[in-house]
Amino acid sequence: MDSKGAEERLTILLKHWMEHNRGHAREFVEWGENTKALGWTAVSEQIVGAAEQVDKANELLQRALNELGDS
């Protein structure tokens, strides 16, 4: 694969991964709310924390995508 082909493929993958992650983060937040409503505060905090980490991962993936656009 040449560099242009690799760049195109990686752009597609980065966008896909970020969208996929957003879906999981939404589910995590929903389950964080559900578990909190059940009184499982510690469980809720961990699930919401996982959603926050997914958001951080997406920030890094977005930076990678931006770097590709700058190269």
PDB file of N, CA and C in Angstrom:
ATOM      1  N   MET A   1       0.858  -1.171   0.000  1.00  0.00           N
ATOM      2  CA  MET A   1       0.000   0.000   0.000  1.00  0.00           C
ATOM      3  C   MET A   1       0.903   1.233   0.000  1.00  0.00           C
ATOM      4  N   ASP A   2       0.597   2.165  -0.889  1.00  0.00           N
ATOM      5  CA  ASP A   2       1.378   3.399  -0.927  1.00  0.00           C
ATOM      6  C   ASP A   2       0.901   4.358   0.160  1.00  0.00           C
ATOM      7  N   SER A   3       1.635   5.463   0.348  1.00  0.00           N
ATOM      8  CA  SER A   3       1.300   6.387   1.441  1.00  0.00           C
ATOM      9  C   SER A   3      -0.059   7.044   1.234  1.00  0.00           C
ATOM     10  N   LYS A   4      -0.441   7.321   0.000  1.00  0.00           N
ATOM     11  CA  LYS A   4      -1.753   7.923  -0.262  1.00  0.00           C
ATOM     12  C   LYS A   4      -2.862   6.938   0.100  1.00  0.00           C
ATOM     13  N   GLY A   5      -2.688   5.683  -0.294  1.00  0.00           N
ATOM     14  CA  GLY A   5      -3.670   4.653   0.050  1.00  0.00           C
ATOM     15  C   GLY A   5      -3.759   4.435   1.546  1.00  0.00           C
ATOM     16  N   ALA A   6      -2.608   4.452   2.215  1.00  0.00           N
ATOM     17  CA  ALA A   6      -2.585   4.277   3.672  1.00  0.00           C
ATOM     18  C   ALA A   6      -3.278   5.446   4.357  1.00  0.00           C
ATOM     19  N   GLU A   7      -3.056   6.652   3.852  1.00  0.00           N
ATOM     20  CA  GLU A   7      -3.685   7.842   4.435  1.00  0.00           C
ATOM     21  C   GLU A   7      -5.202   7.776   4.284  1.00  0.00           C
ATOM     22  N   GLU A   8      -5.673   7.390   3.120  1.00  0.00           N
ATOM     23  CA  GLU A   8      -7.111   7.284   2.884  1.00  0.00           C
ATOM     24  C   GLU A   8      -7.732   6.229   3.794  1.00  0.00           C
ATOM     25  N   ARG A   9      -7.085   5.076   3.891  1.00  0.00           N
ATOM     26  CA  ARG A   9      -7.595   3.991   4.727  1.00  0.00           C
ATOM     27  C   ARG A   9      -7.612   4.397   6.198  1.00  0.00           C
ATOM     28  N   LEU A  10      -6.522   5.022   6.657  1.00  0.00           N
ATOM     29  CA  LEU A  10      -6.440   5.433   8.048  1.00  0.00           C
ATOM     30  C   LEU A  10      -7.468   6.512   8.369  1.00  0.00           C
ATOM     31  N   THR A  11      -7.724   7.412   7.442  1.00  0.00           N
ATOM     32  CA  THR A  11      -8.754   8.437   7.645  1.00  0.00           C
ATOM     33  C   THR A  11     -10.108   7.780   7.862  1.00  0.00           C
ATOM     34  N   ILE A  12     -10.422   6.814   7.030  1.00  0.00           N
ATOM     35  CA  ILE A  12     -11.693   6.085   7.164  1.00  0.00           C
ATOM     36  C   ILE A  12     -11.748   5.365   8.507  1.00  0.00           C
ATOM     37  N   LEU A  13     -10.663   4.686   8.868  1.00  0.00           N
ATOM     38  CA  LEU A  13     -10.630   3.952  10.130  1.00  0.00           C
ATOM     39  C   LEU A  13     -10.775   4.873  11.335  1.00  0.00           C
ATOM     40  N   LEU A  14     -10.060   5.988  11.348  1.00  0.00           N
ATOM     41  CA  LEU A  14     -10.137   6.914  12.471  1.00  0.00           C
ATOM     42  C   LEU A  14     -11.558   7.433  12.665  1.00  0.00           C
ATOM     43  N   LYS A  15     -12.197   7.811  11.568  1.00  0.00           N
ATOM     44  CA  LYS A  15     -13.579   8.301  11.654  1.00  0.00           C
ATOM     45  C   LYS A  15     -14.509   7.198  12.156  1.00  0.00           C
ATOM     46  N   HIS A  16     -14.316   5.987  11.662  1.00  0.00           N
ATOM     47  CA  HIS A  16     -15.136   4.846  12.093  1.00  0.00           C
ATOM     48  C   HIS A  16     -14.936   4.571  13.583  1.00  0.00           C
ATOM     49  N   TRP A  17     -13.681   4.539  14.013  1.00  0.00           N
ATOM     50  CA  TRP A  17     -13.397   4.262  15.420  1.00  0.00           C
ATOM     51  C   TRP A  17     -14.024   5.314  16.329  1.00  0.00           C
ATOM     52  N   MET A  18     -13.943   6.575  15.933  1.00  0.00           N
ATOM     53  CA  MET A  18     -14.514   7.633  16.768  1.00  0.00           C
ATOM     54  C   MET A  18     -16.028   7.496  16.862  1.00  0.00           C
ATOM     55  N   GLU A  19     -16.685   7.201  15.765  1.00  0.00           N
ATOM     56  CA  GLU A  19     -18.139   7.027  15.801  1.00  0.00           C
ATOM     57  C   GLU A  19     -18.515   5.807  16.640  1.00  0.00           C
ATOM     58  N   HIS A  20     -17.788   4.740  16.462  1.00  0.00           N
ATOM     59  CA  HIS A  20     -18.020   3.526  17.242  1.00  0.00           C
ATOM     60  C   HIS A  20     -17.856   3.824  18.737  1.00  0.00           C
ATOM     61  N   ASN A  21     -16.809   4.540  19.075  1.00  0.00           N
ATOM     62  CA  ASN A  21     -16.569   4.912  20.475  1.00  0.00           C
ATOM     63  C   ASN A  21     -17.686   5.784  21.032  1.00  0.00           C
ATOM     64  N   ARG A  22     -18.175   6.724  20.223  1.00  0.00           N
ATOM     65  CA  ARG A  22     -19.267   7.593  20.694  1.00  0.00           C
ATOM     66  C   ARG A  22     -20.497   6.758  21.059  1.00  0.00           C
ATOM     67  N   GLY A  23     -20.785   5.746  20.259  1.00  0.00           N
ATOM     68  CA  GLY A  23     -21.916   4.863  20.559  1.00  0.00           C
ATOM     69  C   GLY A  23     -21.731   4.144  21.887  1.00  0.00           C
ATOM     70  N   HIS A  24     -20.531   3.633  22.111  1.00  0.00           N
ATOM     71  CA  HIS A  24     -20.258   2.974  23.390  1.00  0.00           C
ATOM     72  C   HIS A  24     -20.338   3.962  24.542  1.00  0.00           C
ATOM     73  N   ALA A  25     -19.794   5.152  24.368  1.00  0.00           N
ATOM     74  CA  ALA A  25     -19.828   6.147  25.447  1.00  0.00           C
ATOM     75  C   ALA A  25     -21.275   6.493  25.812  1.00  0.00           C
ATOM     76  N   ARG A  26     -22.140   6.616  24.810  1.00  0.00           N
ATOM     77  CA  ARG A  26     -23.556   6.898  25.094  1.00  0.00           C
ATOM     78  C   ARG A  26     -24.175   5.769  25.916  1.00  0.00           C
ATOM     79  N   GLU A  27     -23.863   4.528  25.546  1.00  0.00           N
ATOM     80  CA  GLU A  27     -24.376   3.383  26.306  1.00  0.00           C
ATOM     81  C   GLU A  27     -23.835   3.377  27.730  1.00  0.00           C
ATOM     82  N   PHE A  28     -22.565   3.704  27.881  1.00  0.00           N
ATOM     83  CA  PHE A  28     -21.966   3.738  29.215  1.00  0.00           C
ATOM     84  C   PHE A  28     -22.669   4.766  30.086  1.00  0.00           C
ATOM     85  N   VAL A  29     -22.911   5.949  29.528  1.00  0.00           N
ATOM     86  CA  VAL A  29     -23.583   6.996  30.295  1.00  0.00           C
ATOM     87  C   VAL A  29     -24.987   6.533  30.691  1.00  0.00           C
ATOM     88  N   GLU A  30     -25.692   5.931  29.745  1.00  0.00           N
ATOM     89  CA  GLU A  30     -27.040   5.417  30.033  1.00  0.00           C
ATOM     90  C   GLU A  30     -26.999   4.403  31.170  1.00  0.00           C
ATOM     91  N   TRP A  31     -26.059   3.470  31.104  1.00  0.00           N
ATOM     92  CA  TRP A  31     -25.962   2.467  32.160  1.00  0.00           C
ATOM     93  C   TRP A  31     -25.432   3.063  33.456  1.00  0.00           C
ATOM     94  N   GLY A  32     -24.639   4.092  33.349  1.00  0.00           N
ATOM     95  CA  GLY A  32     -24.218   4.793  34.555  1.00  0.00           C
ATOM     96  C   GLY A  32     -25.405   5.408  35.272  1.00  0.00           C
ATOM     97  N   GLU A  33     -26.312   5.990  34.495  1.00  0.00           N
ATOM     98  CA  GLU A  33     -27.532   6.565  35.075  1.00  0.00           C
ATOM     99  C   GLU A  33     -28.427   5.463  35.658  1.00  0.00           C
ATOM    100  N   ASN A  34     -28.564   4.365  34.919  1.00  0.00           N
ATOM    101  CA  ASN A  34     -29.398   3.248  35.395  1.00  0.00           C
ATOM    102  C   ASN A  34     -28.876   2.686  36.715  1.00  0.00           C
ATOM    103  N   THR A  35     -27.575   2.464  36.787  1.00  0.00           N
ATOM    104  CA  THR A  35     -27.019   1.882  38.000  1.00  0.00           C
ATOM    105  C   THR A  35     -27.071   2.864  39.167  1.00  0.00           C
ATOM    106  N   LYS A  36     -26.938   4.137  38.869  1.00  0.00           N
ATOM    107  CA  LYS A  36     -27.057   5.136  39.931  1.00  0.00           C
ATOM    108  C   LYS A  36     -28.474   5.139  40.498  1.00  0.00           C
ATOM    109  N   ALA A  37     -29.458   5.025  39.610  1.00  0.00           N
ATOM    110  CA  ALA A  37     -30.860   4.993  40.038  1.00  0.00           C
ATOM    111  C   ALA A  37     -31.150   3.779  40.912  1.00  0.00           C
ATOM    112  N   LEU A  38     -30.397   2.713  40.709  1.00  0.00           N
ATOM    113  CA  LEU A  38     -30.563   1.508  41.527  1.00  0.00           C
ATOM    114  C   LEU A  38     -29.817   1.613  42.857  1.00  0.00           C
ATOM    115  N   GLY A  39     -29.114   2.713  43.045  1.00  0.00           N
ATOM    116  CA  GLY A  39     -28.362   2.901  44.279  1.00  0.00           C
ATOM    117  C   GLY A  39     -26.955   2.338  44.232  1.00  0.00           C
ATOM    118  N   TRP A  40     -26.526   1.910  43.066  1.00  0.00           N
ATOM    119  CA  TRP A  40     -25.189   1.344  42.900  1.00  0.00           C
ATOM    120  C   TRP A  40     -24.215   2.452  42.510  1.00  0.00           C
ATOM    121  N   THR A  41     -23.984   3.349  43.428  1.00  0.00           N
ATOM    122  CA  THR A  41     -23.193   4.548  43.157  1.00  0.00           C
ATOM    123  C   THR A  41     -21.778   4.223  42.706  1.00  0.00           C
ATOM    124  N   ALA A  42     -21.116   3.308  43.398  1.00  0.00           N
ATOM    125  CA  ALA A  42     -19.734   2.975  43.035  1.00  0.00           C
ATOM    126  C   ALA A  42     -19.659   2.370  41.636  1.00  0.00           C
ATOM    127  N   VAL A  43     -20.619   1.527  41.311  1.00  0.00           N
ATOM    128  CA  VAL A  43     -20.671   0.936  39.963  1.00  0.00           C
ATOM    129  C   VAL A  43     -20.901   2.042  38.937  1.00  0.00           C
ATOM    130  N   SER A  44     -21.834   2.919  39.221  1.00  0.00           N
ATOM    131  CA  SER A  44     -22.149   4.026  38.328  1.00  0.00           C
ATOM    132  C   SER A  44     -20.926   4.888  38.061  1.00  0.00           C
ATOM    133  N   GLU A  45     -20.195   5.209  39.111  1.00  0.00           N
ATOM    134  CA  GLU A  45     -19.008   6.058  38.961  1.00  0.00           C
ATOM    135  C   GLU A  45     -17.973   5.418  38.047  1.00  0.00           C
ATOM    136  N   GLN A  46     -17.806   4.106  38.151  1.00  0.00           N
ATOM    137  CA  GLN A  46     -16.839   3.416  37.302  1.00  0.00           C
ATOM    138  C   GLN A  46     -17.291   3.408  35.841  1.00  0.00           C
ATOM    139  N   ILE A  47     -18.565   3.185  35.618  1.00  0.00           N
ATOM    140  CA  ILE A  47     -19.079   3.160  34.243  1.00  0.00           C
ATOM    141  C   ILE A  47     -18.985   4.546  33.618  1.00  0.00           C
ATOM    142  N   VAL A  48     -19.352   5.572  34.362  1.00  0.00           N
ATOM    143  CA  VAL A  48     -19.246   6.944  33.851  1.00  0.00           C
ATOM    144  C   VAL A  48     -17.773   7.291  33.615  1.00  0.00           C
ATOM    145  N   GLY A  49     -16.903   6.818  34.496  1.00  0.00           N
ATOM    146  CA  GLY A  49     -15.465   7.028  34.298  1.00  0.00           C
ATOM    147  C   GLY A  49     -14.977   6.384  33.011  1.00  0.00           C
ATOM    148  N   ALA A  50     -15.508   5.219  32.691  1.00  0.00           N
ATOM    149  CA  ALA A  50     -15.149   4.561  31.439  1.00  0.00           C
ATOM    150  C   ALA A  50     -15.594   5.402  30.246  1.00  0.00           C
ATOM    151  N   ALA A  51     -16.782   5.996  30.331  1.00  0.00           N
ATOM    152  CA  ALA A  51     -17.271   6.871  29.257  1.00  0.00           C
ATOM    153  C   ALA A  51     -16.332   8.057  29.077  1.00  0.00           C
ATOM    154  N   GLU A  52     -15.857   8.605  30.176  1.00  0.00           N
ATOM    155  CA  GLU A  52     -14.928   9.736  30.100  1.00  0.00           C
ATOM    156  C   GLU A  52     -13.617   9.330  29.430  1.00  0.00           C
ATOM    157  N   GLN A  53     -13.155   8.124  29.715  1.00  0.00           N
ATOM    158  CA  GLN A  53     -11.926   7.634  29.088  1.00  0.00           C
ATOM    159  C   GLN A  53     -12.115   7.420  27.586  1.00  0.00           C
ATOM    160  N   VAL A  54     -13.283   6.957  27.203  1.00  0.00           N
ATOM    161  CA  VAL A  54     -13.581   6.795  25.778  1.00  0.00           C
ATOM    162  C   VAL A  54     -13.556   8.163  25.095  1.00  0.00           C
ATOM    163  N   ASP A  55     -14.105   9.172  25.759  1.00  0.00           N
ATOM    164  CA  ASP A  55     -14.067  10.532  25.205  1.00  0.00           C
ATOM    165  C   ASP A  55     -12.627  11.013  25.044  1.00  0.00           C
ATOM    166  N   LYS A  56     -11.775  10.702  26.015  1.00  0.00           N
ATOM    167  CA  LYS A  56     -10.359  11.079  25.916  1.00  0.00           C
ATOM    168  C   LYS A  56      -9.681  10.352  24.765  1.00  0.00           C
ATOM    169  N   ALA A  57     -10.019   9.080  24.591  1.00  0.00           N
ATOM    170  CA  ALA A  57      -9.466   8.325  23.466  1.00  0.00           C
ATOM    171  C   ALA A  57      -9.873   8.968  22.144  1.00  0.00           C
ATOM    172  N   ASN A  58     -11.126   9.410  22.059  1.00  0.00           N
ATOM    173  CA  ASN A  58     -11.575  10.067  20.833  1.00  0.00           C
ATOM    174  C   ASN A  58     -10.846  11.379  20.590  1.00  0.00           C
ATOM    175  N   GLU A  59     -10.500  12.092  21.643  1.00  0.00           N
ATOM    176  CA  GLU A  59      -9.713  13.320  21.474  1.00  0.00           C
ATOM    177  C   GLU A  59      -8.369  12.996  20.823  1.00  0.00           C
ATOM    178  N   LEU A  60      -7.736  11.924  21.264  1.00  0.00           N
ATOM    179  CA  LEU A  60      -6.459  11.527  20.684  1.00  0.00           C
ATOM    180  C   LEU A  60      -6.618  11.069  19.238  1.00  0.00           C
ATOM    181  N   LEU A  61      -7.684  10.316  18.972  1.00  0.00           N
ATOM    182  CA  LEU A  61      -7.934   9.891  17.591  1.00  0.00           C
ATOM    183  C   LEU A  61      -8.201  11.091  16.694  1.00  0.00           C
ATOM    184  N   GLN A  62      -8.906  12.088  17.208  1.00  0.00           N
ATOM    185  CA  GLN A  62      -9.165  13.304  16.424  1.00  0.00           C
ATOM    186  C   GLN A  62      -7.864  14.041  16.141  1.00  0.00           C
ATOM    187  N   ARG A  63      -6.988  14.090  17.123  1.00  0.00           N
ATOM    188  CA  ARG A  63      -5.681  14.729  16.907  1.00  0.00           C
ATOM    189  C   ARG A  63      -4.903  13.995  15.825  1.00  0.00           C
ATOM    190  N   ALA A  64      -4.964  12.665  15.849  1.00  0.00           N
ATOM    191  CA  ALA A  64      -4.294  11.879  14.810  1.00  0.00           C
ATOM    192  C   ALA A  64      -4.880  12.215  13.441  1.00  0.00           C
ATOM    193  N   LEU A  65      -6.198  12.310  13.365  1.00  0.00           N
ATOM    194  CA  LEU A  65      -6.859  12.661  12.107  1.00  0.00           C
ATOM    195  C   LEU A  65      -6.429  14.049  11.646  1.00  0.00           C
ATOM    196  N   ASN A  66      -6.343  14.975  12.577  1.00  0.00           N
ATOM    197  CA  ASN A  66      -5.893  16.330  12.239  1.00  0.00           C
ATOM    198  C   ASN A  66      -4.474  16.321  11.722  1.00  0.00           C
ATOM    199  N   GLU A  67      -3.622  15.527  12.344  1.00  0.00           N
ATOM    200  CA  GLU A  67      -2.218  15.420  11.884  1.00  0.00           C
ATOM    201  C   GLU A  67      -2.143  14.870  10.467  1.00  0.00           C
ATOM    202  N   LEU A  68      -2.992  13.909  10.159  1.00  0.00           N
ATOM    203  CA  LEU A  68      -3.019  13.376   8.791  1.00  0.00           C
ATOM    204  C   LEU A  68      -3.351  14.471   7.799  1.00  0.00           C
ATOM    205  N   GLY A  69      -4.319  15.313   8.174  1.00  0.00           N
ATOM    206  CA  GLY A  69      -4.715  16.407   7.284  1.00  0.00           C
ATOM    207  C   GLY A  69      -3.616  17.441   7.102  1.00  0.00           C
ATOM    208  N   ASP A  70      -2.738  17.544   8.099  1.00  0.00           N
ATOM    209  CA  ASP A  70      -1.656  18.524   8.046  1.00  0.00           C
ATOM    210  C   ASP A  70      -0.425  18.009   7.312  1.00  0.00           C
ATOM    211  N   SER A  71      -0.360  16.685   7.086  1.00  0.00           N
ATOM    212  CA  SER A  71       0.855  16.127   6.484  1.00  0.00           C
ATOM    213  C   SER A  71       0.842  16.230   4.972  1.00  0.00           C
TER     214      SER A  71
END
